[in-house]
Structure formats: C-alpha cells, structure tokens
Amino acid sequence: MNAAEFKQQFLPYSKRLYRIAFRMMGNEQDAEDMVQDTFLKLWKKRDDLPELENVEAYCTTLLKNTCYDAIRARKPDADSPPEELNVMEERSTSDVVEQRDEVNTVKRLIEMLPDLQRQIIQMKDVEDYSYEEIEERTGLTMVNIRVTLSRARKKIREQFMQIRNYGNR
C-alpha cells in the first residue's frame, strides 16, 4: 500500500478517532498523540493488514487499545501531588463545579429529547458527524436534518434558560 492509498483508506476517520481519543484521554495534546500513534501503527502494518471489512471499526479498536495502553503506562510522579490535590490556577473551584453542573444539565436535556432529535443532535454536536454522514445514517434529507437539529437546539436552549433563571430567583 502506498501513501496515497493509505491516506484514502484511513484519514477519513481522523476526526472521529480524535473525538474518541479526547473523551478517553481528557485533553487535546494526549488525544492528538493517540491518533498519531494509531496512524503510525497502521502505517507500519499497512502491508500486513488483511482486506478489512470495516476499516472504521478496526481503526477505532486500535485507537482505544492505544489509549488504554497509554493510560495504564501512566505512573504518578513522585514529586507531584496526587491529581485531586492540584489546585487550578485559572478557574476557581466554584467555577469548575458550576460548569460541570451546566454540562450535566445539558446532557440530561438532550436525553429528554424525542428520539430523532436526540439522535441527530448526538451525531452532529457531540460526535461531530457531517450533515452528509447523518443523511446516510438516518435516511433523512438535509432539510429535515437541519430543521430537526434547529428544533432540538432551540428546545434545549429554552429549557436550559428556564432552569438557569429558576436558580436566580
């Protein structure tokens, strides 16, 4: 397999792999490193890879295993305090807690959406699928997807503001 074939077969999955790595690793730099390591492993094995039936699944599995290996390899540094004792300099603890509560509220609001709205907002806003990918997976037209996504976002925004304003009374 030459470089052009490799790029054509594997690079379309880079955004999805990055999102998975980011969720697993928790920060941008580690996620980028994990995706890069995954592509490096794929490149080294390119001639030994069998004809893959599901390239995306193979890449995802390889990435997850790479992330798990990196997580297991992490050893606490003897000179630094445990992670829970590190003090955040940029934001206060109350800001972090408030932001975490807001994220959890939005997640709950997404879960309460009708099935189609929840599915589309999950694919577009959480998993970062393109409209074309959503169209392929759902069978809906681009217009239907945009309308459904707009309604879902509006509903979440309205409910979130109601919740937020309720706390300020």
N, C-alpha and C. Protein backbone atom coordinates (compact mmCIF):
# COMPACT_ATOMS: atom_id res chain seq x y z
N MET A 1 0.86 -1.18 0.00
CA MET A 1 0.00 0.00 0.00
C MET A 1 0.90 1.23 0.00
N ASN A 2 0.65 2.14 -0.93
CA ASN A 2 1.43 3.37 -0.98
C ASN A 2 0.77 4.45 -0.11
N ALA A 3 1.43 5.59 -0.02
CA ALA A 3 0.95 6.67 0.85
C ALA A 3 -0.42 7.19 0.42
N ALA A 4 -0.65 7.31 -0.87
CA ALA A 4 -1.94 7.82 -1.35
C ALA A 4 -3.08 6.86 -0.99
N GLU A 5 -2.85 5.57 -1.16
CA GLU A 5 -3.88 4.58 -0.80
C GLU A 5 -4.13 4.60 0.71
N PHE A 6 -3.05 4.73 1.47
CA PHE A 6 -3.17 4.78 2.93
C PHE A 6 -4.03 5.97 3.35
N LYS A 7 -3.71 7.13 2.79
CA LYS A 7 -4.47 8.34 3.13
C LYS A 7 -5.93 8.19 2.76
N GLN A 8 -6.18 7.63 1.59
CA GLN A 8 -7.56 7.47 1.13
C GLN A 8 -8.33 6.51 2.02
N GLN A 9 -7.67 5.47 2.50
CA GLN A 9 -8.37 4.46 3.29
C GLN A 9 -8.54 4.86 4.76
N PHE A 10 -7.54 5.50 5.36
CA PHE A 10 -7.57 5.70 6.80
C PHE A 10 -7.82 7.14 7.27
N LEU A 11 -7.37 8.13 6.55
CA LEU A 11 -7.51 9.51 7.01
C LEU A 11 -8.94 10.01 7.15
N PRO A 12 -9.90 9.50 6.39
CA PRO A 12 -11.27 9.99 6.61
C PRO A 12 -11.80 9.76 8.03
N TYR A 13 -11.16 8.90 8.79
CA TYR A 13 -11.62 8.60 10.14
C TYR A 13 -10.90 9.41 11.22
N SER A 14 -10.02 10.32 10.82
CA SER A 14 -9.20 11.03 11.80
C SER A 14 -10.02 11.86 12.78
N LYS A 15 -11.06 12.57 12.31
CA LYS A 15 -11.86 13.39 13.22
C LYS A 15 -12.58 12.53 14.25
N ARG A 16 -13.17 11.45 13.78
CA ARG A 16 -13.88 10.54 14.69
C ARG A 16 -12.91 9.94 15.70
N LEU A 17 -11.74 9.54 15.25
CA LEU A 17 -10.74 8.97 16.15
C LEU A 17 -10.30 10.01 17.18
N TYR A 18 -10.14 11.25 16.73
CA TYR A 18 -9.74 12.31 17.67
C TYR A 18 -10.80 12.50 18.75
N ARG A 19 -12.07 12.52 18.35
CA ARG A 19 -13.14 12.69 19.35
C ARG A 19 -13.12 11.57 20.38
N ILE A 20 -12.92 10.36 19.93
CA ILE A 20 -12.87 9.21 20.85
C ILE A 20 -11.66 9.34 21.77
N ALA A 21 -10.51 9.67 21.19
CA ALA A 21 -9.29 9.81 21.99
C ALA A 21 -9.43 10.94 23.00
N PHE A 22 -10.07 12.03 22.60
CA PHE A 22 -10.24 13.15 23.51
C PHE A 22 -11.11 12.75 24.71
N ARG A 23 -12.18 12.01 24.43
CA ARG A 23 -13.04 11.55 25.53
C ARG A 23 -12.28 10.61 26.46
N MET A 24 -11.42 9.79 25.90
CA MET A 24 -10.71 8.82 26.73
C MET A 24 -9.55 9.45 27.49
N MET A 25 -8.83 10.37 26.84
CA MET A 25 -7.62 10.92 27.43
C MET A 25 -7.86 12.21 28.22
N GLY A 26 -8.89 12.97 27.84
CA GLY A 26 -9.25 14.14 28.62
C GLY A 26 -8.57 15.43 28.23
N ASN A 27 -7.65 15.41 27.28
CA ASN A 27 -7.06 16.67 26.83
C ASN A 27 -6.61 16.58 25.38
N GLU A 28 -6.44 17.74 24.76
CA GLU A 28 -6.16 17.81 23.32
C GLU A 28 -4.83 17.17 22.95
N GLN A 29 -3.79 17.48 23.71
CA GLN A 29 -2.46 17.00 23.35
C GLN A 29 -2.39 15.48 23.39
N ASP A 30 -2.91 14.89 24.45
CA ASP A 30 -2.88 13.42 24.54
C ASP A 30 -3.74 12.79 23.45
N ALA A 31 -4.87 13.41 23.15
CA ALA A 31 -5.74 12.88 22.10
C ALA A 31 -5.03 12.91 20.76
N GLU A 32 -4.38 14.03 20.46
CA GLU A 32 -3.63 14.13 19.21
C GLU A 32 -2.51 13.10 19.15
N ASP A 33 -1.83 12.91 20.27
CA ASP A 33 -0.75 11.90 20.33
C ASP A 33 -1.30 10.50 20.08
N MET A 34 -2.45 10.20 20.66
CA MET A 34 -3.03 8.86 20.49
C MET A 34 -3.44 8.60 19.04
N VAL A 35 -4.03 9.63 18.40
CA VAL A 35 -4.42 9.47 17.00
C VAL A 35 -3.16 9.31 16.14
N GLN A 36 -2.15 10.10 16.43
CA GLN A 36 -0.91 9.99 15.67
C GLN A 36 -0.27 8.61 15.86
N ASP A 37 -0.25 8.12 17.08
CA ASP A 37 0.29 6.78 17.35
C ASP A 37 -0.50 5.71 16.60
N THR A 38 -1.81 5.89 16.56
CA THR A 38 -2.66 4.92 15.86
C THR A 38 -2.35 4.90 14.37
N PHE A 39 -2.23 6.09 13.78
CA PHE A 39 -1.89 6.14 12.36
C PHE A 39 -0.49 5.59 12.10
N LEU A 40 0.42 5.82 13.02
CA LEU A 40 1.77 5.28 12.86
C LEU A 40 1.75 3.75 12.89
N LYS A 41 0.97 3.19 13.81
CA LYS A 41 0.83 1.73 13.88
C LYS A 41 0.20 1.18 12.60
N LEU A 42 -0.81 1.88 12.12
CA LEU A 42 -1.46 1.46 10.87
C LEU A 42 -0.47 1.52 9.70
N TRP A 43 0.33 2.58 9.66
CA TRP A 43 1.30 2.73 8.59
C TRP A 43 2.34 1.60 8.63
N LYS A 44 2.82 1.29 9.81
CA LYS A 44 3.82 0.22 9.94
C LYS A 44 3.25 -1.15 9.55
N LYS A 45 1.95 -1.35 9.78
CA LYS A 45 1.30 -2.63 9.47
C LYS A 45 0.63 -2.63 8.11
N ARG A 46 0.74 -1.57 7.35
CA ARG A 46 -0.06 -1.39 6.14
C ARG A 46 0.02 -2.56 5.16
N ASP A 47 1.17 -3.20 5.05
CA ASP A 47 1.29 -4.31 4.11
C ASP A 47 0.82 -5.63 4.70
N ASP A 48 0.74 -5.70 6.02
CA ASP A 48 0.31 -6.93 6.69
C ASP A 48 -1.18 -6.96 7.00
N LEU A 49 -1.85 -5.82 6.82
CA LEU A 49 -3.27 -5.76 7.14
C LEU A 49 -4.06 -6.60 6.14
N PRO A 50 -4.95 -7.40 6.66
CA PRO A 50 -5.80 -8.15 5.74
C PRO A 50 -6.78 -7.19 5.07
N GLU A 51 -7.49 -7.66 4.10
CA GLU A 51 -8.53 -6.83 3.47
C GLU A 51 -9.59 -6.57 4.55
N LEU A 52 -9.67 -5.34 5.01
CA LEU A 52 -10.55 -5.00 6.12
C LEU A 52 -11.98 -4.84 5.65
N GLU A 53 -12.88 -5.50 6.34
CA GLU A 53 -14.29 -5.38 6.01
C GLU A 53 -14.85 -4.07 6.55
N ASN A 54 -14.41 -3.67 7.76
CA ASN A 54 -14.88 -2.44 8.38
C ASN A 54 -13.66 -1.66 8.88
N VAL A 55 -13.16 -0.79 8.05
CA VAL A 55 -11.95 -0.03 8.35
C VAL A 55 -12.16 0.85 9.57
N GLU A 56 -13.32 1.48 9.67
CA GLU A 56 -13.62 2.37 10.80
C GLU A 56 -13.56 1.61 12.13
N ALA A 57 -14.15 0.43 12.17
CA ALA A 57 -14.14 -0.36 13.40
C ALA A 57 -12.72 -0.79 13.76
N TYR A 58 -11.94 -1.16 12.77
CA TYR A 58 -10.55 -1.56 13.03
C TYR A 58 -9.75 -0.39 13.60
N CYS A 59 -9.89 0.78 12.97
CA CYS A 59 -9.18 1.97 13.45
C CYS A 59 -9.61 2.35 14.86
N THR A 60 -10.90 2.28 15.12
CA THR A 60 -11.43 2.63 16.44
C THR A 60 -10.90 1.68 17.51
N THR A 61 -10.90 0.39 17.22
CA THR A 61 -10.39 -0.59 18.18
C THR A 61 -8.91 -0.37 18.44
N LEU A 62 -8.14 -0.14 17.38
CA LEU A 62 -6.71 0.10 17.54
C LEU A 62 -6.46 1.36 18.36
N LEU A 63 -7.23 2.41 18.10
CA LEU A 63 -7.09 3.65 18.86
C LEU A 63 -7.42 3.42 20.34
N LYS A 64 -8.52 2.76 20.62
CA LYS A 64 -8.91 2.53 22.01
C LYS A 64 -7.84 1.72 22.74
N ASN A 65 -7.31 0.72 22.10
CA ASN A 65 -6.24 -0.07 22.73
C ASN A 65 -5.00 0.77 22.97
N THR A 66 -4.69 1.66 22.03
CA THR A 66 -3.55 2.56 22.20
C THR A 66 -3.78 3.49 23.40
N CYS A 67 -5.00 4.00 23.53
CA CYS A 67 -5.34 4.86 24.66
C CYS A 67 -5.26 4.09 25.98
N TYR A 68 -5.82 2.88 26.00
CA TYR A 68 -5.76 2.07 27.22
C TYR A 68 -4.31 1.80 27.63
N ASP A 69 -3.47 1.50 26.65
CA ASP A 69 -2.06 1.27 26.95
C ASP A 69 -1.41 2.51 27.55
N ALA A 70 -1.72 3.66 27.00
CA ALA A 70 -1.15 4.92 27.50
C ALA A 70 -1.65 5.22 28.91
N ILE A 71 -2.91 4.96 29.15
CA ILE A 71 -3.46 5.21 30.49
C ILE A 71 -2.83 4.29 31.51
N ARG A 72 -2.67 3.01 31.14
CA ARG A 72 -2.04 2.06 32.07
C ARG A 72 -0.58 2.40 32.32
N ALA A 73 0.08 2.96 31.31
CA ALA A 73 1.50 3.27 31.44
C ALA A 73 1.77 4.50 32.31
N ARG A 74 0.74 5.30 32.50
CA ARG A 74 0.92 6.49 33.34
C ARG A 74 1.22 6.06 34.77
N LYS A 75 2.26 6.62 35.29
CA LYS A 75 2.59 6.36 36.69
C LYS A 75 2.63 7.69 37.40
N PRO A 76 2.09 7.75 38.58
CA PRO A 76 2.14 9.02 39.29
C PRO A 76 3.58 9.46 39.53
N ASP A 77 3.83 10.72 39.28
CA ASP A 77 5.15 11.28 39.51
C ASP A 77 5.34 11.47 41.01
N ALA A 78 6.41 10.99 41.54
CA ALA A 78 6.65 11.05 42.98
C ALA A 78 6.77 12.48 43.48
N ASP A 79 7.22 13.40 42.62
CA ASP A 79 7.41 14.79 43.04
C ASP A 79 6.13 15.61 43.00
N SER A 80 5.12 15.17 42.27
CA SER A 80 3.91 15.97 42.17
C SER A 80 2.83 15.41 43.09
N PRO A 81 1.97 16.28 43.62
CA PRO A 81 0.89 15.80 44.48
C PRO A 81 -0.12 15.02 43.66
N PRO A 82 -0.92 14.20 44.31
CA PRO A 82 -1.96 13.48 43.58
C PRO A 82 -2.84 14.47 42.83
N GLU A 83 -3.43 14.00 41.75
CA GLU A 83 -4.21 14.87 40.87
C GLU A 83 -5.32 15.60 41.61
N GLU A 84 -5.96 14.95 42.55
CA GLU A 84 -7.06 15.60 43.25
C GLU A 84 -6.59 16.73 44.16
N LEU A 85 -5.29 16.80 44.43
CA LEU A 85 -4.77 17.88 45.28
C LEU A 85 -4.25 19.06 44.48
N ASN A 86 -4.13 18.90 43.16
CA ASN A 86 -3.67 20.01 42.32
C ASN A 86 -4.70 21.12 42.35
N VAL A 87 -4.24 22.35 42.51
CA VAL A 87 -5.12 23.50 42.56
C VAL A 87 -5.14 24.14 41.18
N MET A 88 -6.33 24.38 40.67
CA MET A 88 -6.44 25.02 39.37
C MET A 88 -6.19 26.51 39.54
N GLU A 89 -5.27 27.03 38.75
CA GLU A 89 -4.90 28.43 38.87
C GLU A 89 -5.86 29.35 38.13
N GLU A 90 -6.33 28.93 36.97
CA GLU A 90 -7.11 29.82 36.12
C GLU A 90 -8.55 29.98 36.59
N ARG A 91 -9.15 28.93 37.09
CA ARG A 91 -10.57 28.98 37.47
C ARG A 91 -10.71 28.55 38.93
N SER A 92 -11.67 29.15 39.58
CA SER A 92 -11.93 28.76 40.96
C SER A 92 -12.69 27.43 40.97
N THR A 93 -12.68 26.78 42.09
CA THR A 93 -13.38 25.51 42.22
C THR A 93 -14.86 25.68 41.97
N SER A 94 -15.43 26.78 42.44
CA SER A 94 -16.86 27.00 42.23
C SER A 94 -17.18 27.16 40.74
N ASP A 95 -16.29 27.79 39.97
CA ASP A 95 -16.50 27.91 38.52
C ASP A 95 -16.48 26.54 37.86
N VAL A 96 -15.56 25.70 38.27
CA VAL A 96 -15.44 24.36 37.71
C VAL A 96 -16.69 23.55 38.03
N VAL A 97 -17.14 23.62 39.27
CA VAL A 97 -18.34 22.89 39.68
C VAL A 97 -19.56 23.40 38.92
N GLU A 98 -19.66 24.72 38.78
CA GLU A 98 -20.79 25.30 38.06
C GLU A 98 -20.79 24.86 36.60
N GLN A 99 -19.63 24.87 35.98
CA GLN A 99 -19.53 24.44 34.59
C GLN A 99 -19.89 22.96 34.45
N ARG A 100 -19.42 22.15 35.36
CA ARG A 100 -19.73 20.71 35.33
C ARG A 100 -21.24 20.49 35.50
N ASP A 101 -21.87 21.27 36.38
CA ASP A 101 -23.32 21.17 36.57
C ASP A 101 -24.07 21.56 35.29
N GLU A 102 -23.60 22.61 34.63
CA GLU A 102 -24.24 23.05 33.39
C GLU A 102 -24.11 21.97 32.31
N VAL A 103 -22.95 21.36 32.20
CA VAL A 103 -22.75 20.29 31.23
C VAL A 103 -23.68 19.12 31.53
N ASN A 104 -23.78 18.74 32.79
CA ASN A 104 -24.68 17.64 33.17
C ASN A 104 -26.14 17.99 32.88
N THR A 105 -26.50 19.25 33.09
CA THR A 105 -27.87 19.69 32.80
C THR A 105 -28.16 19.57 31.32
N VAL A 106 -27.23 20.02 30.49
CA VAL A 106 -27.43 19.92 29.04
C VAL A 106 -27.51 18.46 28.62
N LYS A 107 -26.68 17.60 29.18
CA LYS A 107 -26.74 16.17 28.86
C LYS A 107 -28.11 15.58 29.21
N ARG A 108 -28.63 15.96 30.38
CA ARG A 108 -29.96 15.47 30.77
C ARG A 108 -31.04 16.00 29.83
N LEU A 109 -30.92 17.26 29.42
CA LEU A 109 -31.89 17.82 28.48
C LEU A 109 -31.84 17.12 27.13
N ILE A 110 -30.65 16.76 26.69
CA ILE A 110 -30.51 16.01 25.43
C ILE A 110 -31.18 14.65 25.57
N GLU A 111 -30.99 13.99 26.70
CA GLU A 111 -31.59 12.68 26.92
C GLU A 111 -33.12 12.75 26.92
N MET A 112 -33.68 13.90 27.27
CA MET A 112 -35.14 14.04 27.33
C MET A 112 -35.76 14.39 25.98
N LEU A 113 -34.96 14.66 24.98
CA LEU A 113 -35.48 14.99 23.65
C LEU A 113 -36.16 13.78 23.02
N PRO A 114 -37.06 14.02 22.08
CA PRO A 114 -37.62 12.90 21.32
C PRO A 114 -36.48 12.15 20.61
N ASP A 115 -36.70 10.87 20.32
CA ASP A 115 -35.65 10.00 19.79
C ASP A 115 -34.91 10.59 18.59
N LEU A 116 -35.63 11.06 17.60
CA LEU A 116 -35.00 11.56 16.39
C LEU A 116 -34.16 12.80 16.67
N GLN A 117 -34.69 13.73 17.46
CA GLN A 117 -33.93 14.93 17.81
C GLN A 117 -32.68 14.57 18.60
N ARG A 118 -32.83 13.65 19.55
CA ARG A 118 -31.69 13.23 20.36
C ARG A 118 -30.62 12.58 19.48
N GLN A 119 -31.04 11.73 18.58
CA GLN A 119 -30.11 11.02 17.70
C GLN A 119 -29.34 12.02 16.82
N ILE A 120 -30.04 12.97 16.26
CA ILE A 120 -29.40 13.92 15.35
C ILE A 120 -28.48 14.87 16.10
N ILE A 121 -28.92 15.39 17.24
CA ILE A 121 -28.06 16.31 17.99
C ILE A 121 -26.82 15.57 18.53
N GLN A 122 -26.98 14.31 18.88
CA GLN A 122 -25.85 13.50 19.33
C GLN A 122 -24.84 13.35 18.19
N MET A 123 -25.33 13.00 17.00
CA MET A 123 -24.42 12.81 15.88
C MET A 123 -23.74 14.12 15.46
N LYS A 124 -24.49 15.21 15.41
CA LYS A 124 -23.93 16.47 14.90
C LYS A 124 -23.10 17.20 15.94
N ASP A 125 -23.64 17.41 17.12
CA ASP A 125 -22.97 18.27 18.11
C ASP A 125 -22.03 17.53 19.05
N VAL A 126 -22.28 16.27 19.29
CA VAL A 126 -21.42 15.52 20.21
C VAL A 126 -20.36 14.74 19.44
N GLU A 127 -20.79 14.00 18.41
CA GLU A 127 -19.86 13.16 17.66
C GLU A 127 -19.30 13.85 16.42
N ASP A 128 -19.78 15.06 16.11
CA ASP A 128 -19.25 15.89 15.04
C ASP A 128 -19.36 15.24 13.66
N TYR A 129 -20.46 14.54 13.40
CA TYR A 129 -20.70 14.00 12.06
C TYR A 129 -21.08 15.14 11.12
N SER A 130 -20.75 14.99 9.86
CA SER A 130 -21.17 15.97 8.87
C SER A 130 -22.64 15.72 8.55
N TYR A 131 -23.26 16.69 7.90
CA TYR A 131 -24.66 16.52 7.52
C TYR A 131 -24.81 15.34 6.56
N GLU A 132 -23.83 15.15 5.69
CA GLU A 132 -23.88 14.05 4.73
C GLU A 132 -23.84 12.70 5.46
N GLU A 133 -23.01 12.60 6.49
CA GLU A 133 -22.93 11.35 7.26
C GLU A 133 -24.24 11.07 7.98
N ILE A 134 -24.84 12.13 8.53
CA ILE A 134 -26.12 11.97 9.22
C ILE A 134 -27.19 11.55 8.22
N GLU A 135 -27.15 12.15 7.04
CA GLU A 135 -28.10 11.81 5.99
C GLU A 135 -27.99 10.32 5.63
N GLU A 136 -26.77 9.82 5.50
CA GLU A 136 -26.54 8.41 5.19
C GLU A 136 -27.06 7.50 6.29
N ARG A 137 -26.82 7.88 7.53
CA ARG A 137 -27.17 7.01 8.65
C ARG A 137 -28.65 7.02 8.99
N THR A 138 -29.32 8.17 8.75
CA THR A 138 -30.72 8.26 9.14
C THR A 138 -31.69 8.12 7.97
N GLY A 139 -31.20 8.38 6.76
CA GLY A 139 -32.09 8.33 5.61
C GLY A 139 -32.92 9.60 5.44
N LEU A 140 -32.69 10.59 6.28
CA LEU A 140 -33.43 11.85 6.19
C LEU A 140 -32.77 12.76 5.17
N THR A 141 -33.54 13.72 4.67
CA THR A 141 -32.97 14.70 3.75
C THR A 141 -32.20 15.75 4.56
N MET A 142 -31.35 16.49 3.87
CA MET A 142 -30.57 17.54 4.52
C MET A 142 -31.48 18.57 5.19
N VAL A 143 -32.57 18.93 4.53
CA VAL A 143 -33.51 19.91 5.08
C VAL A 143 -34.14 19.38 6.37
N ASN A 144 -34.55 18.12 6.37
CA ASN A 144 -35.14 17.52 7.57
C ASN A 144 -34.14 17.49 8.72
N ILE A 145 -32.91 17.18 8.41
CA ILE A 145 -31.87 17.13 9.44
C ILE A 145 -31.68 18.52 10.05
N ARG A 146 -31.56 19.53 9.21
CA ARG A 146 -31.33 20.90 9.70
C ARG A 146 -32.52 21.39 10.54
N VAL A 147 -33.72 21.11 10.10
CA VAL A 147 -34.91 21.54 10.84
C VAL A 147 -34.98 20.82 12.19
N THR A 148 -34.75 19.52 12.18
CA THR A 148 -34.80 18.73 13.41
C THR A 148 -33.71 19.20 14.38
N LEU A 149 -32.52 19.45 13.86
CA LEU A 149 -31.42 19.92 14.70
C LEU A 149 -31.72 21.29 15.27
N SER A 150 -32.27 22.17 14.47
CA SER A 150 -32.62 23.51 14.93
C SER A 150 -33.66 23.45 16.04
N ARG A 151 -34.67 22.61 15.87
CA ARG A 151 -35.71 22.47 16.89
C ARG A 151 -35.15 21.89 18.18
N ALA A 152 -34.26 20.92 18.04
CA ALA A 152 -33.65 20.31 19.23
C ALA A 152 -32.82 21.33 20.00
N ARG A 153 -32.01 22.08 19.27
CA ARG A 153 -31.17 23.10 19.92
C ARG A 153 -32.02 24.16 20.59
N LYS A 154 -33.08 24.59 19.90
CA LYS A 154 -33.96 25.61 20.47
C LYS A 154 -34.61 25.11 21.75
N LYS A 155 -35.08 23.87 21.71
CA LYS A 155 -35.74 23.29 22.89
C LYS A 155 -34.76 23.20 24.07
N ILE A 156 -33.54 22.76 23.80
CA ILE A 156 -32.53 22.66 24.87
C ILE A 156 -32.20 24.05 25.40
N ARG A 157 -32.02 25.01 24.51
CA ARG A 157 -31.69 26.38 24.93
C ARG A 157 -32.79 26.95 25.82
N GLU A 158 -34.05 26.79 25.41
CA GLU A 158 -35.17 27.31 26.19
C GLU A 158 -35.26 26.64 27.55
N GLN A 159 -35.15 25.32 27.58
CA GLN A 159 -35.23 24.60 28.85
C GLN A 159 -34.05 24.94 29.76
N PHE A 160 -32.87 25.09 29.16
CA PHE A 160 -31.69 25.43 29.95
C PHE A 160 -31.85 26.81 30.58
N MET A 161 -32.36 27.76 29.79
CA MET A 161 -32.56 29.11 30.33
C MET A 161 -33.62 29.11 31.42
N GLN A 162 -34.66 28.31 31.29
CA GLN A 162 -35.67 28.20 32.35
C GLN A 162 -35.03 27.68 33.63
N ILE A 163 -34.24 26.65 33.51
CA ILE A 163 -33.56 26.07 34.67
C ILE A 163 -32.62 27.08 35.29
N ARG A 164 -31.84 27.73 34.44
CA ARG A 164 -30.84 28.70 34.91
C ARG A 164 -31.52 29.90 35.59
N ASN A 165 -32.58 30.39 34.99
CA ASN A 165 -33.30 31.55 35.56
C ASN A 165 -34.03 31.18 36.83
N TYR A 166 -34.46 29.93 36.93
CA TYR A 166 -35.13 29.46 38.15
C TYR A 166 -34.18 29.57 39.34
N GLY A 167 -32.91 29.25 39.12
CA GLY A 167 -31.92 29.31 40.20
C GLY A 167 -31.59 30.73 40.62
N ASN A 168 -31.89 31.72 39.78
CA ASN A 168 -31.57 33.11 40.08
C ASN A 168 -32.72 33.84 40.78
N ARG A 169 -33.83 33.17 41.00
CA ARG A 169 -34.98 33.82 41.66
C ARG A 169 -34.79 33.93 43.13
